[in-house]
């Protein structure tokens, strides 16, 4: 049964899930609200959101190779894999997915931040206040059962990047924390600078 989380809540992924290894992290959002254009016609403005996983050692990003995103789909350890870039957020369900094999992640990595940034947000004058129904969910890959979900419900106007949540090790078990923190970082590279 899936647990619905609020901002700041934490949940153990290991308790009650003995043998948990492969987890699918699904991220979704809906297309930007449509604007009235010339002659009352609706014009659709696509927003290209990009999900990424940052593998941290003692809270720090040690190498660019520890960033899993559309330009580096598989971590060098082979334990985290991005399933590809969705350019618009169209359609139902997950827009982007990241697969993780928690049991095989090298022990030096203690946190995996799940972030989403808007590609060329400043140039396109786009921000997360234009996006609706953003969520992150974690699914046990053994049985495709959703373990937890966090719906981001705040107004993130002006924010161009988001820290959706983090998966972290604590006393020998994996946990998930619902963060939902917006930032004004204009790119993934700028967001990553927070952790060096």
N, C-alpha and C. Protein backbone atom coordinates (compact mmCIF):
# COMPACT_ATOMS: atom_id res chain seq x y z
N UNK A 1 0.84 -1.18 0.00
CA UNK A 1 0.00 0.00 0.00
C UNK A 1 0.89 1.24 0.00
N UNK A 2 0.59 2.18 -0.85
CA UNK A 2 1.40 3.38 -1.01
C UNK A 2 1.16 4.36 0.13
N UNK A 3 2.23 5.00 0.59
CA UNK A 3 2.15 6.03 1.61
C UNK A 3 2.17 7.38 0.90
N UNK A 4 1.21 8.23 1.23
CA UNK A 4 1.17 9.58 0.66
C UNK A 4 1.89 10.51 1.63
N UNK A 5 2.97 11.14 1.14
CA UNK A 5 3.81 11.96 2.00
C UNK A 5 3.51 13.45 1.85
N UNK A 6 3.77 14.17 2.93
CA UNK A 6 3.71 15.62 2.92
C UNK A 6 5.14 16.14 2.92
N UNK A 7 5.32 17.40 2.56
CA UNK A 7 6.65 18.01 2.55
C UNK A 7 7.33 17.83 3.90
N UNK A 8 8.58 17.36 3.86
CA UNK A 8 9.36 17.17 5.07
C UNK A 8 9.24 15.79 5.70
N UNK A 9 8.28 15.00 5.28
CA UNK A 9 8.11 13.66 5.85
C UNK A 9 9.17 12.71 5.31
N UNK A 10 9.49 11.72 6.17
CA UNK A 10 10.45 10.69 5.81
C UNK A 10 9.78 9.33 5.98
N UNK A 11 10.22 8.38 5.17
CA UNK A 11 9.66 7.03 5.27
C UNK A 11 10.78 6.03 5.01
N UNK A 12 10.76 4.91 5.74
CA UNK A 12 11.73 3.85 5.51
C UNK A 12 11.30 3.05 4.29
N UNK A 13 12.24 2.81 3.39
CA UNK A 13 11.97 1.95 2.24
C UNK A 13 12.28 0.50 2.58
N UNK A 14 13.10 0.27 3.58
CA UNK A 14 13.55 -1.07 3.92
C UNK A 14 12.56 -1.81 4.83
N UNK A 15 11.98 -1.12 5.82
CA UNK A 15 11.07 -1.77 6.76
C UNK A 15 9.85 -2.32 6.02
N UNK A 16 9.58 -3.59 6.26
CA UNK A 16 8.43 -4.23 5.62
C UNK A 16 8.67 -4.59 4.17
N UNK A 17 9.86 -4.31 3.67
CA UNK A 17 10.22 -4.63 2.29
C UNK A 17 11.54 -5.40 2.27
N UNK A 18 11.60 -6.49 3.04
CA UNK A 18 12.83 -7.28 3.10
C UNK A 18 13.23 -7.71 1.70
N UNK A 19 14.53 -7.59 1.44
CA UNK A 19 15.03 -7.99 0.12
C UNK A 19 14.85 -6.93 -0.95
N UNK A 20 14.36 -5.75 -0.56
CA UNK A 20 14.18 -4.68 -1.54
C UNK A 20 15.51 -4.34 -2.18
N UNK A 21 15.53 -4.27 -3.48
CA UNK A 21 16.75 -3.92 -4.19
C UNK A 21 16.46 -2.89 -5.27
N UNK A 22 15.70 -3.31 -6.29
CA UNK A 22 15.46 -2.42 -7.43
C UNK A 22 14.22 -1.56 -7.20
N UNK A 23 14.44 -0.26 -7.33
CA UNK A 23 13.38 0.72 -7.12
C UNK A 23 13.28 1.60 -8.35
N UNK A 24 12.06 1.85 -8.79
CA UNK A 24 11.82 2.78 -9.87
C UNK A 24 11.38 4.10 -9.24
N UNK A 25 12.06 5.18 -9.62
CA UNK A 25 11.66 6.53 -9.19
C UNK A 25 10.94 7.15 -10.37
N UNK A 26 9.65 7.37 -10.21
CA UNK A 26 8.84 7.99 -11.27
C UNK A 26 8.59 9.45 -10.93
N UNK A 27 8.78 10.32 -11.92
CA UNK A 27 8.54 11.74 -11.74
C UNK A 27 7.56 12.21 -12.81
N UNK A 28 6.64 13.05 -12.42
CA UNK A 28 5.66 13.53 -13.38
C UNK A 28 5.25 14.97 -13.13
N UNK A 29 4.67 15.55 -14.16
CA UNK A 29 4.18 16.93 -14.12
C UNK A 29 3.27 17.10 -15.32
N UNK A 30 2.39 18.07 -15.23
CA UNK A 30 1.50 18.34 -16.36
C UNK A 30 1.99 19.54 -17.14
N UNK A 31 1.58 19.53 -18.40
CA UNK A 31 1.97 20.62 -19.29
C UNK A 31 1.53 21.96 -18.72
N UNK A 32 2.23 22.98 -19.16
CA UNK A 32 1.93 24.34 -18.75
C UNK A 32 0.48 24.69 -19.09
N UNK A 33 -0.10 25.53 -18.25
CA UNK A 33 -1.46 26.01 -18.55
C UNK A 33 -1.46 26.72 -19.90
N UNK A 34 -2.52 26.55 -20.62
CA UNK A 34 -2.60 27.17 -21.94
C UNK A 34 -2.96 28.64 -21.82
N UNK A 35 -2.38 29.44 -22.69
CA UNK A 35 -2.64 30.88 -22.70
C UNK A 35 -3.53 31.20 -23.90
N UNK A 36 -4.29 32.25 -23.74
CA UNK A 36 -5.10 32.75 -24.86
C UNK A 36 -4.19 33.54 -25.79
N UNK A 37 -4.18 33.17 -27.03
CA UNK A 37 -3.32 33.85 -28.00
C UNK A 37 -4.13 34.79 -28.88
N UNK A 38 -3.60 35.04 -30.03
CA UNK A 38 -4.22 35.93 -31.00
C UNK A 38 -5.59 35.41 -31.41
N UNK A 39 -6.59 36.22 -31.50
CA UNK A 39 -7.97 35.87 -31.87
C UNK A 39 -8.58 34.85 -30.91
N UNK A 40 -8.10 34.82 -29.65
CA UNK A 40 -8.68 33.92 -28.67
C UNK A 40 -8.25 32.47 -28.82
N UNK A 41 -7.35 32.18 -29.75
CA UNK A 41 -6.87 30.81 -29.93
C UNK A 41 -5.95 30.44 -28.77
N UNK A 42 -6.00 29.19 -28.36
CA UNK A 42 -5.10 28.72 -27.31
C UNK A 42 -3.77 28.31 -27.92
N UNK A 43 -2.71 28.75 -27.31
CA UNK A 43 -1.39 28.32 -27.78
C UNK A 43 -0.73 27.48 -26.69
N UNK A 44 -0.15 26.38 -27.07
CA UNK A 44 0.51 25.49 -26.12
C UNK A 44 1.99 25.84 -26.05
N UNK A 45 2.49 26.01 -24.86
CA UNK A 45 3.89 26.34 -24.66
C UNK A 45 4.54 25.18 -23.91
N UNK A 46 5.39 24.42 -24.57
CA UNK A 46 6.01 23.27 -23.95
C UNK A 46 7.09 23.70 -22.97
N UNK A 47 7.15 22.97 -21.85
CA UNK A 47 8.22 23.16 -20.88
C UNK A 47 8.98 21.85 -20.81
N UNK A 48 10.28 21.92 -21.03
CA UNK A 48 11.13 20.74 -21.02
C UNK A 48 11.75 20.60 -19.63
N UNK A 49 11.15 19.75 -18.79
CA UNK A 49 11.69 19.47 -17.46
C UNK A 49 12.62 18.26 -17.55
N UNK A 50 13.74 18.35 -16.87
CA UNK A 50 14.73 17.28 -16.89
C UNK A 50 14.98 16.76 -15.48
N UNK A 51 14.73 15.46 -15.27
CA UNK A 51 14.98 14.82 -13.98
C UNK A 51 16.41 14.33 -13.94
N UNK A 52 17.01 14.40 -12.76
CA UNK A 52 18.39 13.95 -12.57
C UNK A 52 18.53 13.35 -11.18
N UNK A 53 19.53 12.48 -11.03
CA UNK A 53 19.89 11.91 -9.73
C UNK A 53 21.33 12.33 -9.44
N UNK A 54 21.56 12.90 -8.26
CA UNK A 54 22.90 13.30 -7.84
C UNK A 54 23.33 12.36 -6.72
N UNK A 55 24.40 11.62 -6.93
CA UNK A 55 24.90 10.70 -5.93
C UNK A 55 25.93 11.43 -5.07
N UNK A 56 25.65 11.51 -3.77
CA UNK A 56 26.47 12.29 -2.86
C UNK A 56 27.24 11.40 -1.89
N UNK A 57 28.44 11.83 -1.54
CA UNK A 57 29.27 11.19 -0.53
C UNK A 57 29.42 12.19 0.61
N UNK A 58 28.88 11.86 1.78
CA UNK A 58 28.88 12.78 2.93
C UNK A 58 28.32 14.14 2.54
N UNK A 59 27.26 14.11 1.75
CA UNK A 59 26.57 15.33 1.36
C UNK A 59 27.22 16.12 0.24
N UNK A 60 28.29 15.58 -0.35
CA UNK A 60 29.02 16.31 -1.39
C UNK A 60 29.00 15.55 -2.71
N UNK A 61 28.95 16.32 -3.79
CA UNK A 61 29.06 15.78 -5.14
C UNK A 61 30.54 15.77 -5.50
N UNK A 62 31.13 14.59 -5.65
CA UNK A 62 32.57 14.49 -5.83
C UNK A 62 33.00 14.54 -7.29
N UNK A 63 32.09 14.19 -8.22
CA UNK A 63 32.49 14.10 -9.62
C UNK A 63 31.27 14.32 -10.52
N UNK A 64 31.50 14.85 -11.71
CA UNK A 64 30.41 14.97 -12.69
C UNK A 64 29.86 13.61 -13.09
N UNK A 65 30.67 12.58 -12.94
CA UNK A 65 30.21 11.22 -13.25
C UNK A 65 29.14 10.74 -12.28
N UNK A 66 28.98 11.44 -11.15
CA UNK A 66 27.96 11.09 -10.16
C UNK A 66 26.64 11.81 -10.40
N UNK A 67 26.49 12.40 -11.59
CA UNK A 67 25.23 13.03 -11.99
C UNK A 67 24.62 12.15 -13.09
N UNK A 68 23.44 11.61 -12.83
CA UNK A 68 22.75 10.78 -13.81
C UNK A 68 21.60 11.62 -14.37
N UNK A 69 21.66 11.89 -15.68
CA UNK A 69 20.67 12.76 -16.33
C UNK A 69 20.62 12.39 -17.81
N UNK A 70 19.89 13.17 -18.61
CA UNK A 70 19.72 12.80 -20.03
C UNK A 70 21.03 12.76 -20.80
N UNK A 71 22.08 13.43 -20.31
CA UNK A 71 23.38 13.41 -20.97
C UNK A 71 24.33 12.34 -20.45
N UNK A 72 23.96 11.69 -19.36
CA UNK A 72 24.74 10.60 -18.76
C UNK A 72 23.73 9.63 -18.16
N UNK A 73 23.19 8.75 -18.99
CA UNK A 73 22.02 7.94 -18.61
C UNK A 73 22.31 6.86 -17.57
N UNK A 74 23.57 6.42 -17.46
CA UNK A 74 23.88 5.35 -16.51
C UNK A 74 25.08 5.73 -15.65
N UNK A 75 24.93 5.57 -14.34
CA UNK A 75 26.03 5.85 -13.43
C UNK A 75 27.16 4.85 -13.68
N UNK A 76 28.39 5.27 -13.43
CA UNK A 76 29.56 4.42 -13.71
C UNK A 76 29.51 3.10 -12.94
N UNK A 77 28.78 3.04 -11.82
CA UNK A 77 28.64 1.80 -11.06
C UNK A 77 27.62 0.85 -11.69
N UNK A 78 26.81 1.38 -12.63
CA UNK A 78 25.76 0.58 -13.26
C UNK A 78 24.52 0.42 -12.40
N UNK A 79 24.47 1.08 -11.25
CA UNK A 79 23.37 0.87 -10.30
C UNK A 79 22.22 1.87 -10.45
N UNK A 80 22.43 2.93 -11.19
CA UNK A 80 21.38 3.94 -11.40
C UNK A 80 21.32 4.25 -12.89
N UNK A 81 20.08 4.18 -13.42
CA UNK A 81 19.91 4.36 -14.86
C UNK A 81 18.70 5.26 -15.14
N UNK A 82 18.95 6.32 -15.89
CA UNK A 82 17.87 7.24 -16.34
C UNK A 82 17.26 6.63 -17.59
N UNK A 83 15.93 6.62 -17.65
CA UNK A 83 15.24 5.93 -18.75
C UNK A 83 14.94 6.82 -19.95
N UNK A 84 15.44 8.06 -19.96
CA UNK A 84 15.27 8.90 -21.14
C UNK A 84 14.53 10.19 -20.86
N UNK A 85 14.68 11.12 -21.78
CA UNK A 85 14.20 12.49 -21.64
C UNK A 85 12.81 12.65 -22.26
N UNK A 86 11.89 13.25 -21.50
CA UNK A 86 10.57 13.63 -22.01
C UNK A 86 10.63 15.14 -22.22
N UNK A 87 10.37 15.59 -23.43
CA UNK A 87 10.58 17.01 -23.75
C UNK A 87 9.40 17.92 -23.44
N UNK A 88 8.22 17.35 -23.11
CA UNK A 88 7.04 18.21 -22.96
C UNK A 88 6.23 17.99 -21.69
N UNK A 89 6.29 16.83 -21.07
CA UNK A 89 5.42 16.54 -19.93
C UNK A 89 4.02 16.12 -20.35
N UNK A 90 3.83 15.85 -21.63
CA UNK A 90 2.51 15.45 -22.13
C UNK A 90 2.19 14.03 -21.69
N UNK A 91 0.90 13.76 -21.52
CA UNK A 91 0.44 12.41 -21.21
C UNK A 91 0.31 12.16 -19.72
N UNK A 92 -0.31 11.02 -19.39
CA UNK A 92 -0.54 10.65 -18.00
C UNK A 92 0.63 9.84 -17.47
N UNK A 93 0.68 9.70 -16.15
CA UNK A 93 1.69 8.85 -15.52
C UNK A 93 3.04 9.53 -15.43
N UNK A 94 4.07 8.70 -15.27
CA UNK A 94 5.44 9.22 -15.12
C UNK A 94 5.89 9.87 -16.43
N UNK A 95 6.54 11.02 -16.29
CA UNK A 95 7.13 11.67 -17.45
C UNK A 95 8.58 11.24 -17.63
N UNK A 96 9.28 11.04 -16.53
CA UNK A 96 10.64 10.52 -16.59
C UNK A 96 10.80 9.51 -15.45
N UNK A 97 11.67 8.53 -15.67
CA UNK A 97 11.90 7.48 -14.69
C UNK A 97 13.39 7.25 -14.50
N UNK A 98 13.74 6.93 -13.26
CA UNK A 98 15.12 6.58 -12.92
C UNK A 98 15.07 5.26 -12.17
N UNK A 99 15.82 4.26 -12.65
CA UNK A 99 15.88 2.96 -12.00
C UNK A 99 17.10 2.92 -11.10
N UNK A 100 16.91 2.36 -9.89
CA UNK A 100 18.01 2.25 -8.94
C UNK A 100 18.07 0.84 -8.39
N UNK A 101 19.28 0.32 -8.26
CA UNK A 101 19.50 -0.96 -7.58
C UNK A 101 20.14 -0.63 -6.25
N UNK A 102 19.31 -0.39 -5.23
CA UNK A 102 19.79 0.09 -3.94
C UNK A 102 20.77 -0.88 -3.29
N UNK A 103 20.55 -2.18 -3.48
CA UNK A 103 21.40 -3.18 -2.85
C UNK A 103 22.83 -3.15 -3.39
N UNK A 104 23.02 -2.61 -4.58
CA UNK A 104 24.34 -2.64 -5.21
C UNK A 104 25.02 -1.27 -5.30
N UNK A 105 24.36 -0.23 -4.82
CA UNK A 105 24.99 1.10 -4.85
C UNK A 105 26.22 1.07 -3.96
N UNK A 106 27.39 1.47 -4.48
CA UNK A 106 28.61 1.44 -3.67
C UNK A 106 28.42 2.12 -2.32
N UNK A 107 28.98 1.55 -1.25
CA UNK A 107 28.68 2.01 0.11
C UNK A 107 29.11 3.44 0.41
N UNK A 108 30.04 4.01 -0.37
CA UNK A 108 30.47 5.38 -0.08
C UNK A 108 29.38 6.41 -0.38
N UNK A 109 28.42 6.05 -1.23
CA UNK A 109 27.32 6.98 -1.54
C UNK A 109 26.26 6.86 -0.46
N UNK A 110 26.00 7.97 0.22
CA UNK A 110 25.02 7.92 1.31
C UNK A 110 23.71 8.64 1.01
N UNK A 111 23.69 9.46 -0.03
CA UNK A 111 22.47 10.19 -0.41
C UNK A 111 22.35 10.25 -1.92
N UNK A 112 21.12 10.14 -2.39
CA UNK A 112 20.83 10.33 -3.81
C UNK A 112 19.73 11.38 -3.89
N UNK A 113 20.10 12.56 -4.35
CA UNK A 113 19.13 13.64 -4.52
C UNK A 113 18.41 13.48 -5.85
N UNK A 114 17.11 13.63 -5.84
CA UNK A 114 16.32 13.60 -7.07
C UNK A 114 15.88 15.02 -7.35
N UNK A 115 16.39 15.57 -8.46
CA UNK A 115 16.13 16.97 -8.80
C UNK A 115 15.51 17.06 -10.20
N UNK A 116 14.81 18.15 -10.43
CA UNK A 116 14.25 18.43 -11.75
C UNK A 116 14.51 19.90 -12.05
N UNK A 117 15.04 20.16 -13.23
CA UNK A 117 15.23 21.55 -13.64
C UNK A 117 14.54 21.78 -14.98
N UNK A 118 14.20 23.02 -15.24
CA UNK A 118 13.59 23.39 -16.52
C UNK A 118 14.72 23.76 -17.48
N UNK A 119 14.77 23.06 -18.59
CA UNK A 119 15.82 23.31 -19.59
C UNK A 119 15.66 24.71 -20.17
N UNK A 120 16.73 25.49 -20.15
CA UNK A 120 16.74 26.86 -20.66
C UNK A 120 15.61 27.70 -20.09
N UNK A 121 15.38 27.56 -18.79
CA UNK A 121 14.26 28.25 -18.14
C UNK A 121 14.32 29.76 -18.29
N UNK A 122 15.48 30.34 -18.05
CA UNK A 122 15.57 31.81 -18.12
C UNK A 122 15.37 32.33 -19.54
N UNK A 123 15.98 31.64 -20.52
CA UNK A 123 15.84 32.07 -21.92
C UNK A 123 14.38 31.98 -22.38
N UNK A 124 13.68 30.96 -21.90
CA UNK A 124 12.28 30.75 -22.32
C UNK A 124 11.28 31.43 -21.38
N UNK A 125 11.79 32.07 -20.35
CA UNK A 125 10.94 32.74 -19.35
C UNK A 125 9.93 31.76 -18.75
N UNK A 126 10.43 30.62 -18.30
CA UNK A 126 9.58 29.58 -17.72
C UNK A 126 10.01 29.31 -16.28
N UNK A 127 9.05 28.86 -15.47
CA UNK A 127 9.33 28.54 -14.07
C UNK A 127 8.30 27.51 -13.59
N UNK A 128 8.56 26.96 -12.41
CA UNK A 128 7.71 25.89 -11.89
C UNK A 128 6.32 26.36 -11.48
N UNK A 129 6.10 27.65 -11.40
CA UNK A 129 4.74 28.14 -11.15
C UNK A 129 3.82 27.90 -12.34
N UNK A 130 4.40 27.58 -13.50
CA UNK A 130 3.62 27.32 -14.72
C UNK A 130 3.30 25.82 -14.87
N UNK A 131 3.77 25.02 -13.94
CA UNK A 131 3.60 23.56 -14.01
C UNK A 131 2.62 23.11 -12.95
N UNK A 132 1.81 22.13 -13.30
CA UNK A 132 0.80 21.62 -12.37
C UNK A 132 1.04 20.14 -12.09
N UNK A 133 0.53 19.69 -10.96
CA UNK A 133 0.46 18.26 -10.62
C UNK A 133 1.81 17.55 -10.62
N UNK A 134 2.85 18.21 -10.14
CA UNK A 134 4.16 17.57 -10.07
C UNK A 134 4.18 16.55 -8.93
N UNK A 135 4.85 15.43 -9.17
CA UNK A 135 4.94 14.39 -8.15
C UNK A 135 6.22 13.57 -8.32
N UNK A 136 6.56 12.88 -7.24
CA UNK A 136 7.61 11.86 -7.27
C UNK A 136 7.03 10.64 -6.57
N UNK A 137 7.31 9.46 -7.12
CA UNK A 137 6.83 8.23 -6.50
C UNK A 137 7.92 7.17 -6.58
N UNK A 138 7.93 6.28 -5.61
CA UNK A 138 8.89 5.19 -5.58
C UNK A 138 8.14 3.87 -5.68
N UNK A 139 8.61 3.02 -6.58
CA UNK A 139 7.93 1.76 -6.88
C UNK A 139 8.89 0.60 -6.67
N UNK A 140 8.43 -0.43 -5.97
CA UNK A 140 9.21 -1.67 -5.79
C UNK A 140 9.15 -2.42 -7.12
N UNK A 141 10.28 -2.57 -7.77
CA UNK A 141 10.31 -3.18 -9.10
C UNK A 141 9.98 -4.67 -9.10
N UNK A 142 10.04 -5.32 -7.92
CA UNK A 142 9.73 -6.75 -7.86
C UNK A 142 8.27 -7.03 -8.20
N UNK A 143 7.40 -6.13 -7.74
CA UNK A 143 5.97 -6.37 -7.92
C UNK A 143 5.23 -5.18 -8.51
N UNK A 144 5.97 -4.13 -8.91
CA UNK A 144 5.38 -2.89 -9.44
C UNK A 144 4.43 -2.20 -8.48
N UNK A 145 4.63 -2.41 -7.18
CA UNK A 145 3.80 -1.77 -6.17
C UNK A 145 4.41 -0.42 -5.77
N UNK A 146 3.59 0.61 -5.82
CA UNK A 146 4.03 1.93 -5.38
C UNK A 146 4.20 1.91 -3.87
N UNK A 147 5.39 2.31 -3.39
CA UNK A 147 5.65 2.33 -1.95
C UNK A 147 5.28 3.68 -1.34
N UNK A 148 5.60 4.76 -2.03
CA UNK A 148 5.27 6.08 -1.51
C UNK A 148 5.16 7.08 -2.66
N UNK A 149 4.47 8.17 -2.37
CA UNK A 149 4.25 9.23 -3.37
C UNK A 149 4.23 10.57 -2.64
N UNK A 150 4.84 11.55 -3.28
CA UNK A 150 4.82 12.91 -2.75
C UNK A 150 4.35 13.84 -3.86
N UNK A 151 3.20 14.47 -3.65
CA UNK A 151 2.65 15.44 -4.60
C UNK A 151 3.09 16.84 -4.17
N UNK A 152 3.75 17.54 -5.07
CA UNK A 152 4.24 18.89 -4.76
C UNK A 152 3.10 19.87 -5.04
N UNK A 153 2.55 20.44 -3.98
CA UNK A 153 1.33 21.24 -4.12
C UNK A 153 1.54 22.74 -3.94
N UNK A 154 2.73 23.15 -3.54
CA UNK A 154 2.97 24.58 -3.30
C UNK A 154 3.05 25.35 -4.62
N UNK A 155 2.98 26.67 -4.50
CA UNK A 155 3.19 27.54 -5.66
C UNK A 155 4.70 27.81 -5.76
N UNK A 156 5.28 27.34 -6.84
CA UNK A 156 6.72 27.49 -7.03
C UNK A 156 7.03 28.54 -8.11
N UNK A 157 6.23 29.59 -8.14
CA UNK A 157 6.47 30.67 -9.12
C UNK A 157 7.86 31.23 -8.95
N UNK A 158 8.54 31.45 -10.08
CA UNK A 158 9.88 32.00 -10.07
C UNK A 158 10.98 30.97 -9.88
N UNK A 159 10.62 29.76 -9.49
CA UNK A 159 11.62 28.70 -9.28
C UNK A 159 11.89 27.98 -10.60
N UNK A 160 13.16 27.79 -10.94
CA UNK A 160 13.53 27.16 -12.21
C UNK A 160 14.08 25.75 -12.02
N UNK A 161 14.28 25.35 -10.77
CA UNK A 161 14.74 24.00 -10.46
C UNK A 161 14.08 23.56 -9.15
N UNK A 162 14.00 22.24 -8.97
CA UNK A 162 13.33 21.71 -7.78
C UNK A 162 14.11 20.52 -7.25
N UNK A 163 14.26 20.47 -5.94
CA UNK A 163 14.75 19.27 -5.28
C UNK A 163 13.50 18.53 -4.83
N UNK A 164 13.13 17.47 -5.56
CA UNK A 164 11.89 16.74 -5.25
C UNK A 164 12.04 15.95 -3.95
N UNK A 165 13.14 15.22 -3.83
CA UNK A 165 13.33 14.40 -2.64
C UNK A 165 14.70 13.76 -2.63
N UNK A 166 14.97 12.96 -1.59
CA UNK A 166 16.23 12.25 -1.54
C UNK A 166 16.03 10.86 -0.95
N UNK A 167 16.83 9.95 -1.47
CA UNK A 167 16.91 8.60 -0.94
C UNK A 167 18.24 8.54 -0.22
N UNK A 168 18.23 8.09 1.03
CA UNK A 168 19.46 8.11 1.81
C UNK A 168 19.57 6.89 2.72
N UNK A 169 20.83 6.59 3.09
CA UNK A 169 21.10 5.48 4.00
C UNK A 169 21.08 6.02 5.43
N UNK A 170 20.46 5.25 6.33
CA UNK A 170 20.46 5.62 7.74
C UNK A 170 20.43 4.35 8.57
N UNK A 171 21.50 4.12 9.32
CA UNK A 171 21.63 2.95 10.19
C UNK A 171 21.30 1.65 9.45
N UNK A 172 21.89 1.50 8.28
CA UNK A 172 21.76 0.25 7.54
C UNK A 172 20.49 0.09 6.73
N UNK A 173 19.65 1.11 6.69
CA UNK A 173 18.44 0.99 5.86
C UNK A 173 18.31 2.20 4.94
N UNK A 174 17.55 2.02 3.88
CA UNK A 174 17.28 3.09 2.93
C UNK A 174 16.00 3.81 3.32
N UNK A 175 16.04 5.13 3.25
CA UNK A 175 14.86 5.94 3.56
C UNK A 175 14.64 6.93 2.42
N UNK A 176 13.44 7.50 2.40
CA UNK A 176 13.12 8.55 1.44
C UNK A 176 12.60 9.75 2.20
N UNK A 177 13.06 10.94 1.79
CA UNK A 177 12.61 12.19 2.38
C UNK A 177 11.96 13.04 1.29
N UNK A 178 10.74 13.51 1.56
CA UNK A 178 10.02 14.40 0.63
C UNK A 178 10.50 15.82 0.90
N UNK A 179 11.22 16.43 -0.07
CA UNK A 179 11.82 17.74 0.18
C UNK A 179 11.00 18.88 -0.44
N UNK A 180 10.77 18.85 -1.75
CA UNK A 180 9.96 19.89 -2.38
C UNK A 180 10.52 21.29 -2.23
N UNK A 181 11.82 21.46 -2.43
CA UNK A 181 12.46 22.77 -2.30
C UNK A 181 12.75 23.35 -3.68
N UNK A 182 12.19 24.50 -3.95
CA UNK A 182 12.45 25.18 -5.21
C UNK A 182 13.71 26.03 -5.12
N UNK A 183 14.39 26.18 -6.26
CA UNK A 183 15.56 27.06 -6.32
C UNK A 183 15.47 27.88 -7.60
N UNK A 184 16.26 28.93 -7.67
CA UNK A 184 16.29 29.75 -8.88
C UNK A 184 17.52 29.45 -9.73
N UNK A 185 18.13 28.28 -9.50
CA UNK A 185 19.29 27.90 -10.31
C UNK A 185 18.88 27.79 -11.78
N UNK A 186 19.61 28.45 -12.69
CA UNK A 186 19.19 28.46 -14.10
C UNK A 186 19.52 27.18 -14.87
N UNK A 187 20.32 26.27 -14.27
CA UNK A 187 20.67 25.05 -14.99
C UNK A 187 21.00 23.96 -13.99
N UNK A 188 21.10 22.73 -14.49
CA UNK A 188 21.51 21.62 -13.63
C UNK A 188 22.92 21.86 -13.08
N UNK A 189 23.81 22.39 -13.92
CA UNK A 189 25.16 22.67 -13.46
C UNK A 189 25.19 23.63 -12.30
N UNK A 190 24.35 24.66 -12.35
CA UNK A 190 24.28 25.62 -11.25
C UNK A 190 23.71 24.98 -9.99
N UNK A 191 22.70 24.14 -10.15
CA UNK A 191 22.13 23.45 -9.00
C UNK A 191 23.18 22.54 -8.35
N UNK A 192 23.97 21.87 -9.17
CA UNK A 192 24.99 20.95 -8.64
C UNK A 192 26.06 21.67 -7.83
N UNK A 193 26.29 22.95 -8.13
CA UNK A 193 27.32 23.71 -7.41
C UNK A 193 26.99 23.83 -5.92
N UNK A 194 25.74 23.64 -5.57
CA UNK A 194 25.34 23.69 -4.16
C UNK A 194 25.96 22.55 -3.36
N UNK A 195 26.40 21.50 -4.05
CA UNK A 195 26.83 20.29 -3.35
C UNK A 195 28.32 19.97 -3.54
N UNK A 196 29.11 20.94 -4.01
CA UNK A 196 30.54 20.69 -4.19
C UNK A 196 31.34 21.28 -3.02
